[in-house]
Amino acid sequence: MAVALSGAAAAVLVPLVHRSVERPTSVAPSPSLAAVVSRLPQPEQPAVTVAAPTLLNQDEWRARFAPVVQRVDALRSPAREAAVVAPLELETPEGTTNIVLVVGDRLERGGLWVRIRLPAVPNNLTGWVPRAALGAYSFVHTHLVVDRTRFTATLYDDGRKVFEAPVGVGTPASPTPAGEFYVRDRLSGFGDPFYGPVAFGTSARSPVLTDWPGGGFIGVHGTNEPALIPGRISHGCVRLRNPDILRLSRLMPVGTPVTIR
């Protein structure tokens, strides 16, 4: 009986096992990705077109400046082998980020070079540095003009006068130098009322000791002796009455070009 049952079971199971291993009918292979892509319609025009690099249009800005991000020597011409004009540091003597005013640029085989105004003596020096030594550009539309004869400071915004006030300038023994400069930093919170509530450091230098901390640089700052203004009263710095320097500080950003005449 056991043998008969085993045989019957086998007779039933064998066909089932046989059917379970039957292969399905063949299916056509999927087309390759390349074949699918080749049948897609081509775009009418590229989504993004990268143009050749061009220099900034000088008609679109008044002045531009950038922070120094690499210690570098400013050179006499845009070439690695050119003579050194002056070194550039990352910080000013006041501990703020060193910035430079950009007055030109040039594409050379070695890359993009920029011509900058230097905070160095003698005054009115310029030099060339690789663009990579500077950070991102910032743009300003203001321009401060200090007139040593009329004892005035005048701020222009896009050529329009927005501020004017009387000032004190350097004495004949320590004159305020003439030339083209720029505002390097803005300082406040002085413990000494001599500088007033706000002071701007410029790139202008004096051959003699000035009122500015550490000496040498020309500042534009307030005063604790407003009755002396206007006149030739300082060691080279430009002094304004405190209400005037506060008003100027709301209108004049760092990086503003400065003309002293």
C-alpha atoms as a PDB file:
ATOM      1  CA  MET A   1       0.000   0.000   0.000  1.00  0.00           C
ATOM      2  CA  ALA A   2       2.776   2.336   0.857  1.00  0.00           C
ATOM      3  CA  VAL A   3       4.512   1.682  -2.431  1.00  0.00           C
ATOM      4  CA  ALA A   4       1.307   2.236  -4.401  1.00  0.00           C
ATOM      5  CA  LEU A   5       0.679   5.555  -2.642  1.00  0.00           C
ATOM      6  CA  SER A   6       4.200   6.665  -3.224  1.00  0.00           C
ATOM      7  CA  GLY A   7       3.875   5.864  -6.876  1.00  0.00           C
ATOM      8  CA  ALA A   8       0.600   7.720  -7.181  1.00  0.00           C
ATOM      9  CA  ALA A   9       2.040  10.703  -5.457  1.00  0.00           C
ATOM     10  CA  ALA A  10       4.949  10.604  -7.784  1.00  0.00           C
ATOM     11  CA  ALA A  11       2.625  10.379 -10.767  1.00  0.00           C
ATOM     12  CA  VAL A  12       0.826  13.490  -9.606  1.00  0.00           C
ATOM     13  CA  LEU A  13       3.883  15.468  -8.610  1.00  0.00           C
ATOM     14  CA  VAL A  14       6.000  14.885 -11.652  1.00  0.00           C
ATOM     15  CA  PRO A  15       3.748  16.737 -14.107  1.00  0.00           C
ATOM     16  CA  LEU A  16       3.434  19.608 -11.655  1.00  0.00           C
ATOM     17  CA  VAL A  17       7.174  19.925 -11.280  1.00  0.00           C
ATOM     18  CA  HIS A  18       7.592  19.689 -15.001  1.00  0.00           C
ATOM     19  CA  ARG A  19       5.110  22.523 -15.632  1.00  0.00           C
ATOM     20  CA  SER A  20       6.760  24.774 -13.009  1.00  0.00           C
ATOM     21  CA  VAL A  21      10.069  24.807 -14.839  1.00  0.00           C
ATOM     22  CA  GLU A  22       8.687  25.551 -18.271  1.00  0.00           C
ATOM     23  CA  ARG A  23      10.338  28.683 -19.766  1.00  0.00           C
ATOM     24  CA  PRO A  24       8.126  31.601 -20.716  1.00  0.00           C
ATOM     25  CA  THR A  25       7.854  32.702 -24.272  1.00  0.00           C
ATOM     26  CA  SER A  26      10.647  35.069 -25.399  1.00  0.00           C
ATOM     27  CA  VAL A  27      10.219  38.897 -24.955  1.00  0.00           C
ATOM     28  CA  ALA A  28      11.756  41.466 -27.292  1.00  0.00           C
ATOM     29  CA  PRO A  29      14.807  43.183 -25.659  1.00  0.00           C
ATOM     30  CA  SER A  30      14.367  46.785 -24.402  1.00  0.00           C
ATOM     31  CA  PRO A  31      15.953  49.433 -26.619  1.00  0.00           C
ATOM     32  CA  SER A  32      19.243  50.865 -25.364  1.00  0.00           C
ATOM     33  CA  LEU A  33      19.432  54.297 -23.694  1.00  0.00           C
ATOM     34  CA  ALA A  34      21.452  55.609 -26.615  1.00  0.00           C
ATOM     35  CA  ALA A  35      18.748  54.476 -29.040  1.00  0.00           C
ATOM     36  CA  VAL A  36      16.047  56.218 -26.986  1.00  0.00           C
ATOM     37  CA  VAL A  37      18.048  59.454 -26.740  1.00  0.00           C
ATOM     38  CA  SER A  38      18.760  59.425 -30.469  1.00  0.00           C
ATOM     39  CA  ARG A  39      15.013  59.503 -31.197  1.00  0.00           C
ATOM     40  CA  LEU A  40      14.350  62.541 -28.947  1.00  0.00           C
ATOM     41  CA  PRO A  41      13.808  65.851 -30.762  1.00  0.00           C
ATOM     42  CA  GLN A  42      16.799  68.191 -30.664  1.00  0.00           C
ATOM     43  CA  PRO A  43      16.366  71.588 -28.904  1.00  0.00           C
ATOM     44  CA  GLU A  44      15.957  74.567 -31.180  1.00  0.00           C
ATOM     45  CA  GLN A  45      18.827  76.364 -29.433  1.00  0.00           C
ATOM     46  CA  PRO A  46      21.155  75.708 -26.466  1.00  0.00           C
ATOM     47  CA  ALA A  47      19.616  76.433 -23.066  1.00  0.00           C
ATOM     48  CA  VAL A  48      22.784  78.267 -21.906  1.00  0.00           C
ATOM     49  CA  THR A  49      25.379  79.977 -24.063  1.00  0.00           C
ATOM     50  CA  VAL A  50      28.720  80.814 -22.385  1.00  0.00           C
ATOM     51  CA  ALA A  51      30.215  83.909 -23.959  1.00  0.00           C
ATOM     52  CA  ALA A  52      33.891  84.799 -24.111  1.00  0.00           C
ATOM     53  CA  PRO A  53      35.123  86.774 -21.048  1.00  0.00           C
ATOM     54  CA  THR A  54      35.137  90.558 -21.409  1.00  0.00           C
ATOM     55  CA  LEU A  55      36.375  93.404 -19.220  1.00  0.00           C
ATOM     56  CA  LEU A  56      33.872  95.421 -17.207  1.00  0.00           C
ATOM     57  CA  ASN A  57      32.306  98.359 -19.009  1.00  0.00           C
ATOM     58  CA  GLN A  58      33.527 101.485 -17.254  1.00  0.00           C
ATOM     59  CA  ASP A  59      30.298 103.311 -18.195  1.00  0.00           C
ATOM     60  CA  GLU A  60      28.363 101.036 -15.825  1.00  0.00           C
ATOM     61  CA  TRP A  61      30.073 102.076 -12.582  1.00  0.00           C
ATOM     62  CA  ARG A  62      31.767 105.036 -10.952  1.00  0.00           C
ATOM     63  CA  ALA A  63      34.433 103.255  -8.899  1.00  0.00           C
ATOM     64  CA  ARG A  64      35.208  99.697  -7.828  1.00  0.00           C
ATOM     65  CA  PHE A  65      37.292  98.285  -5.024  1.00  0.00           C
ATOM     66  CA  ALA A  66      38.184  94.849  -3.713  1.00  0.00           C
ATOM     67  CA  PRO A  67      39.717  93.323  -0.581  1.00  0.00           C
ATOM     68  CA  VAL A  68      43.245  91.944  -0.685  1.00  0.00           C
ATOM     69  CA  VAL A  69      42.967  88.159  -0.160  1.00  0.00           C
ATOM     70  CA  GLN A  70      46.599  87.209  -0.883  1.00  0.00           C
ATOM     71  CA  ARG A  71      49.782  88.925   0.249  1.00  0.00           C
ATOM     72  CA  VAL A  72      51.262  90.109  -2.996  1.00  0.00           C
ATOM     73  CA  ASP A  73      53.661  92.669  -4.456  1.00  0.00           C
ATOM     74  CA  ALA A  74      52.172  95.341  -6.684  1.00  0.00           C
ATOM     75  CA  LEU A  75      54.265  95.503  -9.859  1.00  0.00           C
ATOM     76  CA  ARG A  76      55.160  98.270 -12.268  1.00  0.00           C
ATOM     77  CA  SER A  77      53.543  96.455 -15.222  1.00  0.00           C
ATOM     78  CA  PRO A  78      51.258  93.409 -15.666  1.00  0.00           C
ATOM     79  CA  ALA A  79      54.081  90.861 -15.886  1.00  0.00           C
ATOM     80  CA  ARG A  80      55.564  88.512 -13.300  1.00  0.00           C
ATOM     81  CA  GLU A  81      59.083  89.749 -13.992  1.00  0.00           C
ATOM     82  CA  ALA A  82      58.199  93.456 -13.565  1.00  0.00           C
ATOM     83  CA  ALA A  83      59.754  95.589 -10.817  1.00  0.00           C
ATOM     84  CA  VAL A  84      58.030  95.775  -7.436  1.00  0.00           C
ATOM     85  CA  VAL A  85      56.277  99.045  -6.575  1.00  0.00           C
ATOM     86  CA  ALA A  86      54.967  98.202  -3.087  1.00  0.00           C
ATOM     87  CA  PRO A  87      53.832  95.176  -1.059  1.00  0.00           C
ATOM     88  CA  LEU A  88      50.157  94.627  -0.217  1.00  0.00           C
ATOM     89  CA  GLU A  89      49.103  93.225   3.150  1.00  0.00           C
ATOM     90  CA  LEU A  90      45.821  91.575   4.152  1.00  0.00           C
ATOM     91  CA  GLU A  91      45.061  94.150   6.879  1.00  0.00           C
ATOM     92  CA  THR A  92      45.469  97.873   7.429  1.00  0.00           C
ATOM     93  CA  PRO A  93      47.503  99.200  10.375  1.00  0.00           C
ATOM     94  CA  GLU A  94      44.137  99.710  12.124  1.00  0.00           C
ATOM     95  CA  GLY A  95      43.369  95.975  11.891  1.00  0.00           C
ATOM     96  CA  THR A  96      40.645  96.246   9.237  1.00  0.00           C
ATOM     97  CA  THR A  97      40.511  94.365   5.942  1.00  0.00           C
ATOM     98  CA  ASN A  98      42.830  95.999   3.436  1.00  0.00           C
ATOM     99  CA  ILE A  99      41.039  97.171   0.310  1.00  0.00           C
ATOM    100  CA  VAL A 100      42.376  98.709  -2.899  1.00  0.00           C
ATOM    101  CA  LEU A 101      40.752 100.920  -5.492  1.00  0.00           C
ATOM    102  CA  VAL A 102      40.825  99.387  -8.981  1.00  0.00           C
ATOM    103  CA  VAL A 103      41.569 101.862 -11.771  1.00  0.00           C
ATOM    104  CA  GLY A 104      42.130  99.528 -14.738  1.00  0.00           C
ATOM    105  CA  ASP A 105      42.504  95.962 -15.944  1.00  0.00           C
ATOM    106  CA  ARG A 106      44.162  94.052 -18.746  1.00  0.00           C
ATOM    107  CA  LEU A 107      43.975  90.538 -20.161  1.00  0.00           C
ATOM    108  CA  GLU A 108      47.410  89.032 -20.681  1.00  0.00           C
ATOM    109  CA  ARG A 109      48.593  85.552 -21.594  1.00  0.00           C
ATOM    110  CA  GLY A 110      49.081  84.816 -17.918  1.00  0.00           C
ATOM    111  CA  GLY A 111      45.491  85.811 -17.116  1.00  0.00           C
ATOM    112  CA  LEU A 112      43.675  88.926 -15.911  1.00  0.00           C
ATOM    113  CA  TRP A 113      45.661  91.711 -14.215  1.00  0.00           C
ATOM    114  CA  VAL A 114      44.257  94.769 -12.448  1.00  0.00           C
ATOM    115  CA  ARG A 115      45.792  98.193 -11.902  1.00  0.00           C
ATOM    116  CA  ILE A 116      45.210  99.518  -8.388  1.00  0.00           C
ATOM    117  CA  ARG A 117      45.755 102.691  -6.419  1.00  0.00           C
ATOM    118  CA  LEU A 118      48.294 102.037  -3.649  1.00  0.00           C
ATOM    119  CA  PRO A 119      48.287 103.264  -0.021  1.00  0.00           C
ATOM    120  CA  ALA A 120      52.014 103.914  -0.211  1.00  0.00           C
ATOM    121  CA  VAL A 121      54.558 106.711  -0.337  1.00  0.00           C
ATOM    122  CA  PRO A 122      55.148 108.649  -2.434  1.00  0.00           C
ATOM    123  CA  ASN A 123      51.471 109.433  -2.931  1.00  0.00           C
ATOM    124  CA  ASN A 124      49.549 108.715  -6.129  1.00  0.00           C
ATOM    125  CA  LEU A 125      51.369 105.434  -6.814  1.00  0.00           C
ATOM    126  CA  THR A 126      49.617 102.708  -8.802  1.00  0.00           C
ATOM    127  CA  GLY A 127      50.643  99.119  -9.475  1.00  0.00           C
ATOM    128  CA  TRP A 128      49.508  95.875 -11.121  1.00  0.00           C
ATOM    129  CA  VAL A 129      48.474  92.665  -9.343  1.00  0.00           C
ATOM    130  CA  PRO A 130      46.923  89.403 -10.581  1.00  0.00           C
ATOM    131  CA  ARG A 131      43.143  89.495 -10.330  1.00  0.00           C
ATOM    132  CA  ALA A 132      43.280  86.340  -8.177  1.00  0.00           C
ATOM    133  CA  ALA A 133      45.026  88.298  -5.385  1.00  0.00           C
ATOM    134  CA  LEU A 134      41.832  90.306  -4.801  1.00  0.00           C
ATOM    135  CA  GLY A 135      38.358  89.318  -3.644  1.00  0.00           C
ATOM    136  CA  ALA A 136      35.009  90.198  -5.148  1.00  0.00           C
ATOM    137  CA  TYR A 137      34.457  93.699  -6.521  1.00  0.00           C
ATOM    138  CA  SER A 138      32.241  96.220  -4.755  1.00  0.00           C
ATOM    139  CA  PHE A 139      31.024  99.366  -6.495  1.00  0.00           C
ATOM    140  CA  VAL A 140      30.457 102.905  -5.245  1.00  0.00           C
ATOM    141  CA  HIS A 141      28.974 105.982  -6.898  1.00  0.00           C
ATOM    142  CA  THR A 142      30.311 108.550  -4.427  1.00  0.00           C
ATOM    143  CA  HIS A 143      33.347 110.838  -4.650  1.00  0.00           C
ATOM    144  CA  LEU A 144      34.714 113.082  -1.882  1.00  0.00           C
ATOM    145  CA  VAL A 145      36.535 116.291  -2.846  1.00  0.00           C
ATOM    146  CA  VAL A 146      38.561 118.183  -0.219  1.00  0.00           C
ATOM    147  CA  ASP A 147      39.511 121.739  -1.191  1.00  0.00           C
ATOM    148  CA  ARG A 148      42.464 122.956   0.889  1.00  0.00           C
ATOM    149  CA  THR A 149      42.052 126.554  -0.280  1.00  0.00           C
ATOM    150  CA  ARG A 150      38.327 126.904   0.364  1.00  0.00           C
ATOM    151  CA  PHE A 151      38.489 124.626   3.454  1.00  0.00           C
ATOM    152  CA  THR A 152      35.556 122.513   2.298  1.00  0.00           C
ATOM    153  CA  ALA A 153      34.709 118.832   1.922  1.00  0.00           C
ATOM    154  CA  THR A 154      32.123 118.052  -0.761  1.00  0.00           C
ATOM    155  CA  LEU A 155      30.578 114.658  -1.450  1.00  0.00           C
ATOM    156  CA  TYR A 156      29.126 113.819  -4.845  1.00  0.00           C
ATOM    157  CA  ASP A 157      26.842 110.893  -5.656  1.00  0.00           C
ATOM    158  CA  ASP A 158      26.743 110.111  -9.388  1.00  0.00           C
ATOM    159  CA  GLY A 159      28.047 113.633  -9.950  1.00  0.00           C
ATOM    160  CA  ARG A 160      25.347 115.304  -7.848  1.00  0.00           C
ATOM    161  CA  LYS A 161      26.384 117.252  -4.742  1.00  0.00           C
ATOM    162  CA  VAL A 162      24.842 115.649  -1.649  1.00  0.00           C
ATOM    163  CA  PHE A 163      27.025 117.062   1.134  1.00  0.00           C
ATOM    164  CA  GLU A 164      29.297 120.022   1.856  1.00  0.00           C
ATOM    165  CA  ALA A 165      30.856 121.222   5.105  1.00  0.00           C
ATOM    166  CA  PRO A 166      33.764 123.359   6.339  1.00  0.00           C
ATOM    167  CA  VAL A 167      36.944 121.528   7.327  1.00  0.00           C
ATOM    168  CA  GLY A 168      40.286 121.982   8.962  1.00  0.00           C
ATOM    169  CA  VAL A 169      43.387 120.827   7.063  1.00  0.00           C
ATOM    170  CA  GLY A 170      47.099 120.507   7.719  1.00  0.00           C
ATOM    171  CA  THR A 171      49.412 123.343   8.709  1.00  0.00           C
ATOM    172  CA  PRO A 172      52.282 124.413   6.411  1.00  0.00           C
ATOM    173  CA  ALA A 173      54.667 122.343   8.551  1.00  0.00           C
ATOM    174  CA  SER A 174      52.506 119.209   8.198  1.00  0.00           C
ATOM    175  CA  PRO A 175      50.345 119.750   5.116  1.00  0.00           C
ATOM    176  CA  THR A 176      47.482 117.621   3.899  1.00  0.00           C
ATOM    177  CA  PRO A 177      48.845 116.056   0.688  1.00  0.00           C
ATOM    178  CA  ALA A 178      47.174 116.637  -2.665  1.00  0.00           C
ATOM    179  CA  GLY A 179      46.266 113.814  -5.035  1.00  0.00           C
ATOM    180  CA  GLU A 180      43.877 110.973  -5.808  1.00  0.00           C
ATOM    181  CA  PHE A 181      43.124 108.585  -2.940  1.00  0.00           C
ATOM    182  CA  TYR A 182      40.284 106.481  -1.512  1.00  0.00           C
ATOM    183  CA  VAL A 183      38.574 105.646   1.788  1.00  0.00           C
ATOM    184  CA  ARG A 184      40.149 102.473   3.244  1.00  0.00           C
ATOM    185  CA  ASP A 185      38.136 101.998   6.429  1.00  0.00           C
ATOM    186  CA  ARG A 186      35.596 103.455   8.829  1.00  0.00           C
ATOM    187  CA  LEU A 187      36.230 103.535  12.579  1.00  0.00           C
ATOM    188  CA  SER A 188      34.155 104.532  15.586  1.00  0.00           C
ATOM    189  CA  GLY A 189      34.025 104.064  19.344  1.00  0.00           C
ATOM    190  CA  PHE A 190      37.173 106.033  20.142  1.00  0.00           C
ATOM    191  CA  GLY A 191      37.986 106.468  23.799  1.00  0.00           C
ATOM    192  CA  ASP A 192      39.662 109.784  22.944  1.00  0.00           C
ATOM    193  CA  PRO A 193      37.223 112.593  21.955  1.00  0.00           C
ATOM    194  CA  PHE A 194      40.002 114.081  19.821  1.00  0.00           C
ATOM    195  CA  TYR A 195      38.795 112.007  16.821  1.00  0.00           C
ATOM    196  CA  GLY A 196      35.102 112.681  17.307  1.00  0.00           C
ATOM    197  CA  PRO A 197      32.410 110.001  16.914  1.00  0.00           C
ATOM    198  CA  VAL A 198      33.474 108.662  13.497  1.00  0.00           C
ATOM    199  CA  ALA A 199      36.699 108.585  11.498  1.00  0.00           C
ATOM    200  CA  PHE A 200      37.579 107.467   7.982  1.00  0.00           C
ATOM    201  CA  GLY A 201      41.066 106.241   7.130  1.00  0.00           C
ATOM    202  CA  THR A 202      42.274 107.076   3.625  1.00  0.00           C
ATOM    203  CA  SER A 203      45.101 105.839   1.419  1.00  0.00           C
ATOM    204  CA  ALA A 204      46.776 109.263   1.543  1.00  0.00           C
ATOM    205  CA  ARG A 205      50.153 109.409   3.293  1.00  0.00           C
ATOM    206  CA  SER A 206      52.100 112.256   4.812  1.00  0.00           C
ATOM    207  CA  PRO A 207      55.907 112.509   4.874  1.00  0.00           C
ATOM    208  CA  VAL A 208      55.628 113.677   8.489  1.00  0.00           C
ATOM    209  CA  LEU A 209      53.748 112.409  11.538  1.00  0.00           C
ATOM    210  CA  THR A 210      49.977 112.977  11.333  1.00  0.00           C
ATOM    211  CA  ASP A 211      47.076 112.980  13.777  1.00  0.00           C
ATOM    212  CA  TRP A 212      46.131 109.455  12.681  1.00  0.00           C
ATOM    213  CA  PRO A 213      46.854 106.595  15.117  1.00  0.00           C
ATOM    214  CA  GLY A 214      50.339 105.320  14.360  1.00  0.00           C
ATOM    215  CA  GLY A 215      51.040 108.376  12.206  1.00  0.00           C
ATOM    216  CA  GLY A 216      51.628 108.634   8.497  1.00  0.00           C
ATOM    217  CA  PHE A 217      48.112 108.129   7.111  1.00  0.00           C
ATOM    218  CA  ILE A 218      45.596 110.890   6.486  1.00  0.00           C
ATOM    219  CA  GLY A 219      42.230 110.542   8.221  1.00  0.00           C
ATOM    220  CA  VAL A 220      38.914 112.333   7.845  1.00  0.00           C
ATOM    221  CA  HIS A 221      37.440 112.623  11.334  1.00  0.00           C
ATOM    222  CA  GLY A 222      35.553 114.677  13.883  1.00  0.00           C
ATOM    223  CA  THR A 223      37.035 116.904  16.550  1.00  0.00           C
ATOM    224  CA  ASN A 224      36.669 118.077  20.126  1.00  0.00           C
ATOM    225  CA  GLU A 225      37.690 121.609  19.054  1.00  0.00           C
ATOM    226  CA  PRO A 226      35.002 122.668  16.549  1.00  0.00           C
ATOM    227  CA  ALA A 227      35.733 126.375  17.001  1.00  0.00           C
ATOM    228  CA  LEU A 228      39.035 125.956  15.121  1.00  0.00           C
ATOM    229  CA  ILE A 229      37.235 124.965  11.901  1.00  0.00           C
ATOM    230  CA  PRO A 230      37.738 126.142   9.169  1.00  0.00           C
ATOM    231  CA  GLY A 231      41.464 126.677   8.853  1.00  0.00           C
ATOM    232  CA  ARG A 232      44.933 125.132   8.744  1.00  0.00           C
ATOM    233  CA  ILE A 233      44.827 123.467  12.116  1.00  0.00           C
ATOM    234  CA  SER A 234      45.842 119.805  11.884  1.00  0.00           C
ATOM    235  CA  HIS A 235      48.938 117.660  11.443  1.00  0.00           C
ATOM    236  CA  GLY A 236      47.649 116.604   8.018  1.00  0.00           C
ATOM    237  CA  CYS A 237      44.277 114.998   8.710  1.00  0.00           C
ATOM    238  CA  VAL A 238      40.980 116.524   7.567  1.00  0.00           C
ATOM    239  CA  ARG A 239      38.824 117.546  10.523  1.00  0.00           C
ATOM    240  CA  LEU A 240      35.073 118.153  10.492  1.00  0.00           C
ATOM    241  CA  ARG A 241      32.723 119.296  13.236  1.00  0.00           C
ATOM    242  CA  ASN A 242      31.058 116.296  14.852  1.00  0.00           C
ATOM    243  CA  PRO A 243      27.519 116.868  13.458  1.00  0.00           C
ATOM    244  CA  ASP A 244      29.070 117.122   9.978  1.00  0.00           C
ATOM    245  CA  ILE A 245      31.142 113.942  10.240  1.00  0.00           C
ATOM    246  CA  LEU A 246      28.068 112.063  11.464  1.00  0.00           C
ATOM    247  CA  ARG A 247      26.072 113.302   8.489  1.00  0.00           C
ATOM    248  CA  LEU A 248      28.920 112.399   6.124  1.00  0.00           C
ATOM    249  CA  SER A 249      29.151 108.902   7.631  1.00  0.00           C
ATOM    250  CA  ARG A 250      25.575 108.202   6.574  1.00  0.00           C
ATOM    251  CA  LEU A 251      26.346 109.139   2.963  1.00  0.00           C
ATOM    252  CA  MET A 252      29.902 107.993   2.247  1.00  0.00           C
ATOM    253  CA  PRO A 253      30.735 104.253   2.056  1.00  0.00           C
ATOM    254  CA  VAL A 254      34.154 102.681   2.342  1.00  0.00           C
ATOM    255  CA  GLY A 255      35.846 102.531  -1.074  1.00  0.00           C
ATOM    256  CA  THR A 256      34.828 106.079  -2.029  1.00  0.00           C
ATOM    257  CA  PRO A 257      37.468 107.851  -4.158  1.00  0.00           C
ATOM    258  CA  VAL A 258      38.937 110.966  -2.524  1.00  0.00           C
ATOM    259  CA  THR A 259      40.405 113.948  -4.359  1.00  0.00           C
ATOM    260  CA  ILE A 260      42.452 116.416  -2.299  1.00  0.00           C
ATOM    261  CA  ARG A 261      43.311 119.618  -4.117  1.00  0.00           C
END
